[in-house]
Amino acid sequence: HGGADASAYCQRKLPDVLKQHWRAGEEENSFKEAFIAVDKKYLSKRNDDGTTALVAVYDNDNRKLWVANAGDSRAVLV
């Protein structure tokens, strides 16, 4: 994907951006909005390289797990 810069950027920025976009009951849209926001911000400052992403959010109080991916990353829960 053109180097490690895009993945390092997402690793640093995505957790905080996801927290800003997180809305209970709208988890799917929250993930999409956060992925798009990080992508736009990264591309506005850097070249056009990219990365995949795999994110898991666990709600300990309600014992729910949400998993989302961008690109060709996938998760398997065992």
Protein backbone atom coordinates (compact mmCIF):
# COMPACT_ATOMS: atom_id res chain seq x y z
CA HIS A 1 0.00 0.00 0.00
CA GLY A 2 2.90 2.36 -0.49
CA GLY A 3 4.50 2.27 2.93
CA ALA A 4 3.66 2.31 6.61
CA ASP A 5 2.73 6.01 6.92
CA ALA A 6 -1.02 5.56 6.30
CA SER A 7 -1.37 2.65 8.71
CA ALA A 8 0.62 4.46 11.43
CA TYR A 9 -1.56 7.55 10.95
CA CYS A 10 -4.75 5.50 11.29
CA GLN A 11 -3.40 3.75 14.37
CA ARG A 12 -2.79 7.12 16.03
CA LYS A 13 -5.94 8.96 14.90
CA LEU A 14 -8.77 6.46 14.43
CA PRO A 15 -9.48 5.67 18.11
CA ASP A 16 -10.09 9.34 19.00
CA VAL A 17 -12.04 10.04 15.82
CA LEU A 18 -14.21 6.98 16.44
CA LYS A 19 -14.94 8.20 19.98
CA GLN A 20 -16.05 11.55 18.53
CA HIS A 21 -18.38 9.89 16.01
CA TRP A 22 -19.70 7.10 18.27
CA ARG A 23 -23.48 7.05 18.72
CA ALA A 24 -25.18 4.17 20.50
CA GLY A 25 -27.73 2.54 18.25
CA GLU A 26 -25.94 3.84 15.14
CA GLU A 27 -22.75 1.83 15.36
CA GLU A 28 -22.48 1.05 11.65
CA ASN A 29 -22.75 4.72 10.68
CA SER A 30 -20.35 5.66 13.48
CA PHE A 31 -17.67 3.39 12.03
CA LYS A 32 -18.28 4.62 8.48
CA GLU A 33 -18.12 8.28 9.48
CA ALA A 34 -14.93 7.77 11.48
CA PHE A 35 -13.21 5.85 8.67
CA ILE A 36 -14.17 8.52 6.13
CA ALA A 37 -13.10 11.37 8.41
CA VAL A 38 -9.65 9.85 9.02
CA ASP A 39 -9.24 9.06 5.32
CA LYS A 40 -10.10 12.61 4.25
CA LYS A 41 -7.81 14.19 6.83
CA TYR A 42 -4.91 11.91 5.89
CA LEU A 43 -5.30 12.47 2.16
CA SER A 44 -5.55 16.25 2.60
CA LYS A 45 -2.07 16.32 4.16
CA ARG A 46 -0.23 13.49 2.45
CA ASN A 47 0.05 11.60 -0.81
CA ASP A 48 -2.42 9.02 -2.04
CA ASP A 49 -1.07 5.90 -0.33
CA GLY A 50 -3.49 3.94 1.83
CA THR A 51 -4.11 1.16 4.27
CA THR A 52 -6.73 -1.29 5.42
CA ALA A 53 -8.27 -1.12 8.88
CA LEU A 54 -9.81 -3.52 11.35
CA VAL A 55 -11.46 -2.13 14.47
CA ALA A 56 -13.20 -3.82 17.39
CA VAL A 57 -15.19 -2.03 20.08
CA TYR A 58 -16.35 -3.90 23.16
CA ASP A 59 -19.06 -2.56 25.46
CA ASN A 60 -18.33 -4.23 28.77
CA ASP A 61 -21.55 -2.99 30.42
CA ASN A 62 -23.84 -4.50 27.78
CA ARG A 63 -21.47 -7.30 26.72
CA LYS A 64 -21.61 -6.32 23.04
CA LEU A 65 -18.83 -6.47 20.49
CA TRP A 66 -18.80 -4.49 17.25
CA VAL A 67 -16.23 -5.20 14.55
CA ALA A 68 -15.72 -3.14 11.41
CA ASN A 69 -13.24 -3.22 8.57
CA ALA A 70 -12.14 -0.99 5.73
CA GLY A 71 -10.45 -2.58 2.78
CA ASP A 72 -9.60 -6.25 2.63
CA SER A 73 -8.92 -6.83 6.35
CA ARG A 74 -11.18 -9.33 8.08
CA ALA A 75 -11.57 -10.63 11.64
CA VAL A 76 -12.33 -14.06 13.01
CA LEU A 77 -13.57 -14.47 16.58
CA VAL A 78 -12.51 -17.77 18.09
